[in-house]
Amino acid sequence: MIILKNRNRGLIKMLVIIFIALLLLAYFGLNLRSIVASQTFQDNWNFLTNLISNIWDNYLKGAVNFIWNYILAPLISNTAKHVDEQKVASSTAAVLNYIKL
């Protein structure tokens, strides 16, 4: 007998973790609003967003565009075209079989 595990617990698990994290922050007296509004957090946030933007623009964008334009998009297009052709062929065969009856 095959036992299927319930894998739909990700959202509830994440909500419980966030709730526990907020309880811990409150217990230790940390205020998220003051942390996010602090100049240090703002400087770190701006640094990270600029770093990620720089990495995307200078290193990843070209490679991802190449992979999408020359590998994935044609593969998806050809697969979709092949599936459509199979649907037409099967429906045509079904009509021809119906007419022969």
PDB file of N, CA and C in Angstrom:
ATOM      1  N   MET A   1       0.839  -1.183   0.000  1.00  0.00           N
ATOM      2  CA  MET A   1       0.000   0.000   0.000  1.00  0.00           C
ATOM      3  C   MET A   1       0.879   1.240   0.000  1.00  0.00           C
ATOM      4  N   ILE A   2       0.523   2.202  -0.837  1.00  0.00           N
ATOM      5  CA  ILE A   2       1.281   3.441  -0.939  1.00  0.00           C
ATOM      6  C   ILE A   2       0.702   4.455   0.046  1.00  0.00           C
ATOM      7  N   ILE A   3       1.574   5.005   0.871  1.00  0.00           N
ATOM      8  CA  ILE A   3       1.148   6.018   1.835  1.00  0.00           C
ATOM      9  C   ILE A   3       1.560   7.379   1.281  1.00  0.00           C
ATOM     10  N   LEU A   4       0.589   8.238   1.078  1.00  0.00           N
ATOM     11  CA  LEU A   4       0.858   9.575   0.571  1.00  0.00           C
ATOM     12  C   LEU A   4       1.003  10.537   1.743  1.00  0.00           C
ATOM     13  N   LYS A   5       2.085  11.274   1.747  1.00  0.00           N
ATOM     14  CA  LYS A   5       2.299  12.255   2.806  1.00  0.00           C
ATOM     15  C   LYS A   5       1.623  13.559   2.412  1.00  0.00           C
ATOM     16  N   ASN A   6       1.067  14.227   3.392  1.00  0.00           N
ATOM     17  CA  ASN A   6       0.439  15.516   3.156  1.00  0.00           C
ATOM     18  C   ASN A   6       1.533  16.575   3.063  1.00  0.00           C
ATOM     19  N   ARG A   7       1.704  17.150   1.883  1.00  0.00           N
ATOM     20  CA  ARG A   7       2.751  18.151   1.668  1.00  0.00           C
ATOM     21  C   ARG A   7       2.182  19.567   1.616  1.00  0.00           C
ATOM     22  N   ASN A   8       0.969  19.768   2.083  1.00  0.00           N
ATOM     23  CA  ASN A   8       0.329  21.083   2.045  1.00  0.00           C
ATOM     24  C   ASN A   8       0.453  21.804   3.369  1.00  0.00           C
ATOM     25  N   ARG A   9       1.552  21.665   4.038  1.00  0.00           N
ATOM     26  CA  ARG A   9       1.726  22.298   5.339  1.00  0.00           C
ATOM     27  C   ARG A   9       2.704  23.461   5.282  1.00  0.00           C
ATOM     28  N   GLY A  10       3.143  23.858   4.131  1.00  0.00           N
ATOM     29  CA  GLY A  10       4.136  24.914   4.007  1.00  0.00           C
ATOM     30  C   GLY A  10       3.632  26.266   4.440  1.00  0.00           C
ATOM     31  N   LEU A  11       2.428  26.631   4.025  1.00  0.00           N
ATOM     32  CA  LEU A  11       1.889  27.948   4.366  1.00  0.00           C
ATOM     33  C   LEU A  11       1.617  28.053   5.851  1.00  0.00           C
ATOM     34  N   ILE A  12       0.997  27.045   6.428  1.00  0.00           N
ATOM     35  CA  ILE A  12       0.680  27.076   7.859  1.00  0.00           C
ATOM     36  C   ILE A  12       1.969  27.080   8.674  1.00  0.00           C
ATOM     37  N   LYS A  13       2.937  26.300   8.251  1.00  0.00           N
ATOM     38  CA  LYS A  13       4.222  26.253   8.946  1.00  0.00           C
ATOM     39  C   LYS A  13       4.893  27.624   8.917  1.00  0.00           C
ATOM     40  N   MET A  14       4.861  28.293   7.759  1.00  0.00           N
ATOM     41  CA  MET A  14       5.470  29.610   7.639  1.00  0.00           C
ATOM     42  C   MET A  14       4.749  30.632   8.519  1.00  0.00           C
ATOM     43  N   LEU A  15       3.421  30.573   8.558  1.00  0.00           N
ATOM     44  CA  LEU A  15       2.667  31.494   9.407  1.00  0.00           C
ATOM     45  C   LEU A  15       2.978  31.281  10.883  1.00  0.00           C
ATOM     46  N   VAL A  16       3.118  30.031  11.291  1.00  0.00           N
ATOM     47  CA  VAL A  16       3.469  29.735  12.686  1.00  0.00           C
ATOM     48  C   VAL A  16       4.861  30.269  13.010  1.00  0.00           C
ATOM     49  N   ILE A  17       5.807  30.101  12.099  1.00  0.00           N
ATOM     50  CA  ILE A  17       7.171  30.594  12.321  1.00  0.00           C
ATOM     51  C   ILE A  17       7.175  32.114  12.433  1.00  0.00           C
ATOM     52  N   ILE A  18       6.433  32.796  11.560  1.00  0.00           N
ATOM     53  CA  ILE A  18       6.358  34.261  11.621  1.00  0.00           C
ATOM     54  C   ILE A  18       5.726  34.705  12.932  1.00  0.00           C
ATOM     55  N   PHE A  19       4.672  34.021  13.360  1.00  0.00           N
ATOM     56  CA  PHE A  19       4.006  34.358  14.611  1.00  0.00           C
ATOM     57  C   PHE A  19       4.962  34.189  15.800  1.00  0.00           C
ATOM     58  N   ILE A  20       5.711  33.094  15.811  1.00  0.00           N
ATOM     59  CA  ILE A  20       6.674  32.859  16.900  1.00  0.00           C
ATOM     60  C   ILE A  20       7.774  33.908  16.876  1.00  0.00           C
ATOM     61  N   ALA A  21       8.236  34.279  15.684  1.00  0.00           N
ATOM     62  CA  ALA A  21       9.271  35.308  15.569  1.00  0.00           C
ATOM     63  C   ALA A  21       8.763  36.646  16.104  1.00  0.00           C
ATOM     64  N   LEU A  22       7.522  36.985  15.787  1.00  0.00           N
ATOM     65  CA  LEU A  22       6.960  38.241  16.305  1.00  0.00           C
ATOM     66  C   LEU A  22       6.808  38.196  17.822  1.00  0.00           C
ATOM     67  N   LEU A  23       6.420  37.047  18.353  1.00  0.00           N
ATOM     68  CA  LEU A  23       6.333  36.906  19.810  1.00  0.00           C
ATOM     69  C   LEU A  23       7.703  37.071  20.464  1.00  0.00           C
ATOM     70  N   LEU A  24       8.734  36.493  19.857  1.00  0.00           N
ATOM     71  CA  LEU A  24      10.078  36.644  20.404  1.00  0.00           C
ATOM     72  C   LEU A  24      10.552  38.088  20.350  1.00  0.00           C
ATOM     73  N   LEU A  25      10.264  38.772  19.250  1.00  0.00           N
ATOM     74  CA  LEU A  25      10.635  40.189  19.159  1.00  0.00           C
ATOM     75  C   LEU A  25       9.936  41.005  20.243  1.00  0.00           C
ATOM     76  N   ALA A  26       8.664  40.727  20.463  1.00  0.00           N
ATOM     77  CA  ALA A  26       7.923  41.442  21.501  1.00  0.00           C
ATOM     78  C   ALA A  26       8.468  41.103  22.886  1.00  0.00           C
ATOM     79  N   TYR A  27       8.820  39.856  23.099  1.00  0.00           N
ATOM     80  CA  TYR A  27       9.345  39.434  24.396  1.00  0.00           C
ATOM     81  C   TYR A  27      10.643  40.162  24.732  1.00  0.00           C
ATOM     82  N   PHE A  28      11.502  40.316  23.727  1.00  0.00           N
ATOM     83  CA  PHE A  28      12.771  40.999  23.954  1.00  0.00           C
ATOM     84  C   PHE A  28      12.664  42.514  23.824  1.00  0.00           C
ATOM     85  N   GLY A  29      11.470  43.036  23.583  1.00  0.00           N
ATOM     86  CA  GLY A  29      11.250  44.474  23.554  1.00  0.00           C
ATOM     87  C   GLY A  29      11.712  45.171  22.293  1.00  0.00           C
ATOM     88  N   LEU A  30      11.789  44.451  21.199  1.00  0.00           N
ATOM     89  CA  LEU A  30      12.213  45.064  19.940  1.00  0.00           C
ATOM     90  C   LEU A  30      10.988  45.529  19.160  1.00  0.00           C
ATOM     91  N   ASN A  31      11.066  46.738  18.632  1.00  0.00           N
ATOM     92  CA  ASN A  31       9.962  47.326  17.882  1.00  0.00           C
ATOM     93  C   ASN A  31      10.347  47.325  16.402  1.00  0.00           C
ATOM     94  N   LEU A  32       9.584  46.602  15.588  1.00  0.00           N
ATOM     95  CA  LEU A  32       9.897  46.521  14.158  1.00  0.00           C
ATOM     96  C   LEU A  32       9.820  47.878  13.468  1.00  0.00           C
ATOM     97  N   ARG A  33       8.856  48.688  13.858  1.00  0.00           N
ATOM     98  CA  ARG A  33       8.706  49.999  13.223  1.00  0.00           C
ATOM     99  C   ARG A  33       9.948  50.854  13.453  1.00  0.00           C
ATOM    100  N   SER A  34      10.481  50.854  14.663  1.00  0.00           N
ATOM    101  CA  SER A  34      11.677  51.662  14.924  1.00  0.00           C
ATOM    102  C   SER A  34      12.902  51.064  14.234  1.00  0.00           C
ATOM    103  N   ILE A  35      12.947  49.733  14.126  1.00  0.00           N
ATOM    104  CA  ILE A  35      14.072  49.101  13.436  1.00  0.00           C
ATOM    105  C   ILE A  35      14.062  49.464  11.952  1.00  0.00           C
ATOM    106  N   VAL A  36      12.899  49.352  11.307  1.00  0.00           N
ATOM    107  CA  VAL A  36      12.794  49.641   9.879  1.00  0.00           C
ATOM    108  C   VAL A  36      12.997  51.121   9.595  1.00  0.00           C
ATOM    109  N   ALA A  37      12.579  51.974  10.512  1.00  0.00           N
ATOM    110  CA  ALA A  37      12.714  53.415  10.305  1.00  0.00           C
ATOM    111  C   ALA A  37      14.121  53.925  10.617  1.00  0.00           C
ATOM    112  N   SER A  38      14.963  53.106  11.218  1.00  0.00           N
ATOM    113  CA  SER A  38      16.298  53.570  11.592  1.00  0.00           C
ATOM    114  C   SER A  38      17.155  53.832  10.359  1.00  0.00           C
ATOM    115  N   GLN A  39      18.089  54.747  10.505  1.00  0.00           N
ATOM    116  CA  GLN A  39      18.964  55.120   9.398  1.00  0.00           C
ATOM    117  C   GLN A  39      19.877  53.950   8.999  1.00  0.00           C
ATOM    118  N   THR A  40      20.302  53.170   9.976  1.00  0.00           N
ATOM    119  CA  THR A  40      21.162  52.028   9.690  1.00  0.00           C
ATOM    120  C   THR A  40      20.444  51.008   8.811  1.00  0.00           C
ATOM    121  N   PHE A  41      19.200  50.705   9.149  1.00  0.00           N
ATOM    122  CA  PHE A  41      18.429  49.767   8.342  1.00  0.00           C
ATOM    123  C   PHE A  41      18.219  50.313   6.934  1.00  0.00           C
ATOM    124  N   GLN A  42      17.887  51.579   6.822  1.00  0.00           N
ATOM    125  CA  GLN A  42      17.667  52.202   5.512  1.00  0.00           C
ATOM    126  C   GLN A  42      18.939  52.143   4.662  1.00  0.00           C
ATOM    127  N   ASP A  43      20.085  52.425   5.288  1.00  0.00           N
ATOM    128  CA  ASP A  43      21.354  52.355   4.553  1.00  0.00           C
ATOM    129  C   ASP A  43      21.641  50.926   4.090  1.00  0.00           C
ATOM    130  N   ASN A  44      21.428  49.963   4.978  1.00  0.00           N
ATOM    131  CA  ASN A  44      21.661  48.559   4.606  1.00  0.00           C
ATOM    132  C   ASN A  44      20.698  48.112   3.520  1.00  0.00           C
ATOM    133  N   TRP A  45      19.437  48.515   3.612  1.00  0.00           N
ATOM    134  CA  TRP A  45      18.437  48.152   2.611  1.00  0.00           C
ATOM    135  C   TRP A  45      18.802  48.728   1.244  1.00  0.00           C
ATOM    136  N   ASN A  46      19.203  50.005   1.228  1.00  0.00           N
ATOM    137  CA  ASN A  46      19.599  50.634  -0.041  1.00  0.00           C
ATOM    138  C   ASN A  46      20.831  49.951  -0.629  1.00  0.00           C
ATOM    139  N   PHE A  47      21.786  49.586   0.239  1.00  0.00           N
ATOM    140  CA  PHE A  47      22.974  48.889  -0.234  1.00  0.00           C
ATOM    141  C   PHE A  47      22.602  47.553  -0.874  1.00  0.00           C
ATOM    142  N   LEU A  48      21.747  46.784  -0.207  1.00  0.00           N
ATOM    143  CA  LEU A  48      21.349  45.480  -0.751  1.00  0.00           C
ATOM    144  C   LEU A  48      20.580  45.609  -2.057  1.00  0.00           C
ATOM    145  N   THR A  49      19.633  46.552  -2.133  1.00  0.00           N
ATOM    146  CA  THR A  49      18.879  46.705  -3.374  1.00  0.00           C
ATOM    147  C   THR A  49      19.782  47.152  -4.519  1.00  0.00           C
ATOM    148  N   ASN A  50      20.719  48.039  -4.247  1.00  0.00           N
ATOM    149  CA  ASN A  50      21.659  48.464  -5.289  1.00  0.00           C
ATOM    150  C   ASN A  50      22.577  47.323  -5.707  1.00  0.00           C
ATOM    151  N   LEU A  51      23.020  46.513  -4.741  1.00  0.00           N
ATOM    152  CA  LEU A  51      23.875  45.378  -5.047  1.00  0.00           C
ATOM    153  C   LEU A  51      23.144  44.350  -5.910  1.00  0.00           C
ATOM    154  N   ILE A  52      21.920  44.016  -5.536  1.00  0.00           N
ATOM    155  CA  ILE A  52      21.137  43.044  -6.311  1.00  0.00           C
ATOM    156  C   ILE A  52      20.844  43.579  -7.712  1.00  0.00           C
ATOM    157  N   SER A  53      20.508  44.855  -7.801  1.00  0.00           N
ATOM    158  CA  SER A  53      20.246  45.466  -9.106  1.00  0.00           C
ATOM    159  C   SER A  53      21.505  45.454  -9.979  1.00  0.00           C
ATOM    160  N   ASN A  54      22.622  45.748  -9.375  1.00  0.00           N
ATOM    161  CA  ASN A  54      23.893  45.753 -10.105  1.00  0.00           C
ATOM    162  C   ASN A  54      24.248  44.358 -10.597  1.00  0.00           C
ATOM    163  N   ILE A  55      24.085  43.347  -9.741  1.00  0.00           N
ATOM    164  CA  ILE A  55      24.378  41.966 -10.138  1.00  0.00           C
ATOM    165  C   ILE A  55      23.455  41.538 -11.268  1.00  0.00           C
ATOM    166  N   TRP A  56      22.170  41.880 -11.167  1.00  0.00           N
ATOM    167  CA  TRP A  56      21.216  41.514 -12.220  1.00  0.00           C
ATOM    168  C   TRP A  56      21.582  42.179 -13.547  1.00  0.00           C
ATOM    169  N   ASP A  57      21.799  43.502 -13.505  1.00  0.00           N
ATOM    170  CA  ASP A  57      22.062  44.249 -14.738  1.00  0.00           C
ATOM    171  C   ASP A  57      23.381  43.853 -15.397  1.00  0.00           C
ATOM    172  N   ASN A  58      24.425  43.623 -14.607  1.00  0.00           N
ATOM    173  CA  ASN A  58      25.756  43.412 -15.170  1.00  0.00           C
ATOM    174  C   ASN A  58      26.129  41.951 -15.400  1.00  0.00           C
ATOM    175  N   TYR A  59      25.489  41.023 -14.694  1.00  0.00           N
ATOM    176  CA  TYR A  59      25.924  39.635 -14.798  1.00  0.00           C
ATOM    177  C   TYR A  59      24.814  38.664 -15.211  1.00  0.00           C
ATOM    178  N   LEU A  60      23.651  38.784 -14.628  1.00  0.00           N
ATOM    179  CA  LEU A  60      22.621  37.768 -14.830  1.00  0.00           C
ATOM    180  C   LEU A  60      21.658  38.053 -15.971  1.00  0.00           C
ATOM    181  N   LYS A  61      21.370  39.300 -16.245  1.00  0.00           N
ATOM    182  CA  LYS A  61      20.349  39.663 -17.224  1.00  0.00           C
ATOM    183  C   LYS A  61      20.641  39.095 -18.613  1.00  0.00           C
ATOM    184  N   GLY A  62      21.869  39.219 -19.064  1.00  0.00           N
ATOM    185  CA  GLY A  62      22.233  38.714 -20.386  1.00  0.00           C
ATOM    186  C   GLY A  62      22.107  37.205 -20.477  1.00  0.00           C
ATOM    187  N   ALA A  63      22.578  36.508 -19.450  1.00  0.00           N
ATOM    188  CA  ALA A  63      22.516  35.047 -19.460  1.00  0.00           C
ATOM    189  C   ALA A  63      21.073  34.559 -19.389  1.00  0.00           C
ATOM    190  N   VAL A  64      20.274  35.176 -18.529  1.00  0.00           N
ATOM    191  CA  VAL A  64      18.874  34.756 -18.396  1.00  0.00           C
ATOM    192  C   VAL A  64      18.114  35.048 -19.685  1.00  0.00           C
ATOM    193  N   ASN A  65      18.339  36.207 -20.286  1.00  0.00           N
ATOM    194  CA  ASN A  65      17.681  36.527 -21.556  1.00  0.00           C
ATOM    195  C   ASN A  65      18.094  35.562 -22.653  1.00  0.00           C
ATOM    196  N   PHE A  66      19.377  35.199 -22.722  1.00  0.00           N
ATOM    197  CA  PHE A  66      19.839  34.240 -23.723  1.00  0.00           C
ATOM    198  C   PHE A  66      19.166  32.887 -23.528  1.00  0.00           C
ATOM    199  N   ILE A  67      19.160  32.405 -22.286  1.00  0.00           N
ATOM    200  CA  ILE A  67      18.540  31.105 -22.001  1.00  0.00           C
ATOM    201  C   ILE A  67      17.060  31.135 -22.350  1.00  0.00           C
ATOM    202  N   TRP A  68      16.377  32.223 -21.999  1.00  0.00           N
ATOM    203  CA  TRP A  68      14.935  32.301 -22.294  1.00  0.00           C
ATOM    204  C   TRP A  68      14.684  32.395 -23.797  1.00  0.00           C
ATOM    205  N   ASN A  69      15.376  33.321 -24.479  1.00  0.00           N
ATOM    206  CA  ASN A  69      15.099  33.586 -25.896  1.00  0.00           C
ATOM    207  C   ASN A  69      15.524  32.455 -26.821  1.00  0.00           C
ATOM    208  N   TYR A  70      16.635  31.784 -26.520  1.00  0.00           N
ATOM    209  CA  TYR A  70      17.172  30.810 -27.466  1.00  0.00           C
ATOM    210  C   TYR A  70      17.007  29.356 -27.046  1.00  0.00           C
ATOM    211  N   ILE A  71      16.626  29.117 -25.790  1.00  0.00           N
ATOM    212  CA  ILE A  71      16.473  27.728 -25.340  1.00  0.00           C
ATOM    213  C   ILE A  71      15.047  27.455 -24.871  1.00  0.00           C
ATOM    214  N   LEU A  72      14.599  28.166 -23.852  1.00  0.00           N
ATOM    215  CA  LEU A  72      13.301  27.849 -23.246  1.00  0.00           C
ATOM    216  C   LEU A  72      12.107  28.253 -24.108  1.00  0.00           C
ATOM    217  N   ALA A  73      12.098  29.464 -24.628  1.00  0.00           N
ATOM    218  CA  ALA A  73      10.949  29.916 -25.430  1.00  0.00           C
ATOM    219  C   ALA A  73      10.738  29.043 -26.670  1.00  0.00           C
ATOM    220  N   PRO A  74      11.786  28.740 -27.454  1.00  0.00           N
ATOM    221  CA  PRO A  74      11.555  27.836 -28.593  1.00  0.00           C
ATOM    222  C   PRO A  74      11.123  26.439 -28.158  1.00  0.00           C
ATOM    223  N   LEU A  75      11.673  25.947 -27.066  1.00  0.00           N
ATOM    224  CA  LEU A  75      11.297  24.622 -26.578  1.00  0.00           C
ATOM    225  C   LEU A  75       9.821  24.594 -26.186  1.00  0.00           C
ATOM    226  N   ILE A  76       9.374  25.616 -25.470  1.00  0.00           N
ATOM    227  CA  ILE A  76       7.969  25.700 -25.069  1.00  0.00           C
ATOM    228  C   ILE A  76       7.080  25.853 -26.292  1.00  0.00           C
ATOM    229  N   SER A  77       7.492  26.710 -27.227  1.00  0.00           N
ATOM    230  CA  SER A  77       6.706  26.936 -28.435  1.00  0.00           C
ATOM    231  C   SER A  77       6.581  25.663 -29.269  1.00  0.00           C
ATOM    232  N   ASN A  78       7.699  24.964 -29.444  1.00  0.00           N
ATOM    233  CA  ASN A  78       7.660  23.721 -30.227  1.00  0.00           C
ATOM    234  C   ASN A  78       6.827  22.658 -29.532  1.00  0.00           C
ATOM    235  N   THR A  79       6.917  22.571 -28.233  1.00  0.00           N
ATOM    236  CA  THR A  79       6.125  21.590 -27.492  1.00  0.00           C
ATOM    237  C   THR A  79       4.640  21.910 -27.608  1.00  0.00           C
ATOM    238  N   ALA A  80       4.284  23.185 -27.465  1.00  0.00           N
ATOM    239  CA  ALA A  80       2.880  23.579 -27.584  1.00  0.00           C
ATOM    240  C   ALA A  80       2.365  23.303 -28.994  1.00  0.00           C
ATOM    241  N   LYS A  81       3.193  23.590 -30.004  1.00  0.00           N
ATOM    242  CA  LYS A  81       2.799  23.333 -31.385  1.00  0.00           C
ATOM    243  C   LYS A  81       2.594  21.833 -31.615  1.00  0.00           C
ATOM    244  N   HIS A  82       3.479  21.022 -31.046  1.00  0.00           N
ATOM    245  CA  HIS A  82       3.373  19.569 -31.180  1.00  0.00           C
ATOM    246  C   HIS A  82       2.106  19.054 -30.496  1.00  0.00           C
ATOM    247  N   VAL A  83       1.779  19.579 -29.335  1.00  0.00           N
ATOM    248  CA  VAL A  83       0.564  19.171 -28.620  1.00  0.00           C
ATOM    249  C   VAL A  83      -0.666  19.557 -29.427  1.00  0.00           C
ATOM    250  N   ASP A  84      -0.675  20.765 -30.006  1.00  0.00           N
ATOM    251  CA  ASP A  84      -1.806  21.192 -30.834  1.00  0.00           C
ATOM    252  C   ASP A  84      -1.960  20.286 -32.054  1.00  0.00           C
ATOM    253  N   GLU A  85      -0.847  19.933 -32.688  1.00  0.00           N
ATOM    254  CA  GLU A  85      -0.914  19.043 -33.850  1.00  0.00           C
ATOM    255  C   GLU A  85      -1.467  17.679 -33.468  1.00  0.00           C
ATOM    256  N   GLN A  86      -1.075  17.183 -32.282  1.00  0.00           N
ATOM    257  CA  GLN A  86      -1.595  15.899 -31.819  1.00  0.00           C
ATOM    258  C   GLN A  86      -3.089  15.972 -31.543  1.00  0.00           C
ATOM    259  N   LYS A  87      -3.548  17.094 -30.990  1.00  0.00           N
ATOM    260  CA  LYS A  87      -4.978  17.258 -30.729  1.00  0.00           C
ATOM    261  C   LYS A  87      -5.758  17.271 -32.033  1.00  0.00           C
ATOM    262  N   VAL A  88      -5.256  17.990 -33.039  1.00  0.00           N
ATOM    263  CA  VAL A  88      -5.928  18.054 -34.333  1.00  0.00           C
ATOM    264  C   VAL A  88      -5.944  16.673 -34.977  1.00  0.00           C
ATOM    265  N   ALA A  89      -4.815  15.982 -34.912  1.00  0.00           N
ATOM    266  CA  ALA A  89      -4.739  14.658 -35.521  1.00  0.00           C
ATOM    267  C   ALA A  89      -5.680  13.677 -34.823  1.00  0.00           C
ATOM    268  N   SER A  90      -5.746  13.735 -33.511  1.00  0.00           N
ATOM    269  CA  SER A  90      -6.619  12.796 -32.798  1.00  0.00           C
ATOM    270  C   SER A  90      -8.089  13.124 -33.037  1.00  0.00           C
ATOM    271  N   SER A  91      -8.433  14.423 -33.088  1.00  0.00           N
ATOM    272  CA  SER A  91      -9.829  14.772 -33.347  1.00  0.00           C
ATOM    273  C   SER A  91     -10.209  14.443 -34.788  1.00  0.00           C
ATOM    274  N   THR A  92      -9.282  14.615 -35.731  1.00  0.00           N
ATOM    275  CA  THR A  92      -9.543  14.248 -37.122  1.00  0.00           C
ATOM    276  C   THR A  92      -9.732  12.742 -37.244  1.00  0.00           C
ATOM    277  N   ALA A  93      -8.899  11.976 -36.551  1.00  0.00           N
ATOM    278  CA  ALA A  93      -9.028  10.523 -36.582  1.00  0.00           C
ATOM    279  C   ALA A  93     -10.348  10.093 -35.962  1.00  0.00           C
ATOM    280  N   ALA A  94     -10.769  10.763 -34.912  1.00  0.00           N
ATOM    281  CA  ALA A  94     -12.045  10.425 -34.277  1.00  0.00           C
ATOM    282  C   ALA A  94     -13.206  10.707 -35.221  1.00  0.00           C
ATOM    283  N   VAL A  95     -13.144  11.813 -35.955  1.00  0.00           N
ATOM    284  CA  VAL A  95     -14.211  12.143 -36.905  1.00  0.00           C
ATOM    285  C   VAL A  95     -14.235  11.120 -38.031  1.00  0.00           C
ATOM    286  N   LEU A  96     -13.061  10.751 -38.544  1.00  0.00           N
ATOM    287  CA  LEU A  96     -12.998   9.760 -39.619  1.00  0.00           C
ATOM    288  C   LEU A  96     -13.510   8.399 -39.151  1.00  0.00           C
ATOM    289  N   ASN A  97     -13.174   8.016 -37.929  1.00  0.00           N
ATOM    290  CA  ASN A  97     -13.690   6.758 -37.388  1.00  0.00           C
ATOM    291  C   ASN A  97     -15.194   6.814 -37.232  1.00  0.00           C
ATOM    292  N   TYR A  98     -15.727   7.941 -36.869  1.00  0.00           N
ATOM    293  CA  TYR A  98     -17.173   8.098 -36.696  1.00  0.00           C
ATOM    294  C   TYR A  98     -17.899   7.989 -38.051  1.00  0.00           C
ATOM    295  N   ILE A  99     -17.271   8.588 -39.071  1.00  0.00           N
ATOM    296  CA  ILE A  99     -17.877   8.566 -40.406  1.00  0.00           C
ATOM    297  C   ILE A  99     -17.878   7.135 -40.951  1.00  0.00           C
ATOM    298  N   LYS A 100     -16.819   6.367 -40.678  1.00  0.00           N
ATOM    299  CA  LYS A 100     -16.740   4.986 -41.177  1.00  0.00           C
ATOM    300  C   LYS A 100     -17.808   4.099 -40.558  1.00  0.00           C
ATOM    301  N   LEU A 101     -18.238   4.418 -39.361  1.00  0.00           N
ATOM    302  CA  LEU A 101     -19.255   3.588 -38.716  1.00  0.00           C
ATOM    303  C   LEU A 101     -20.527   3.749 -39.458  1.00  0.00           C
TER     304      LEU A 101
END
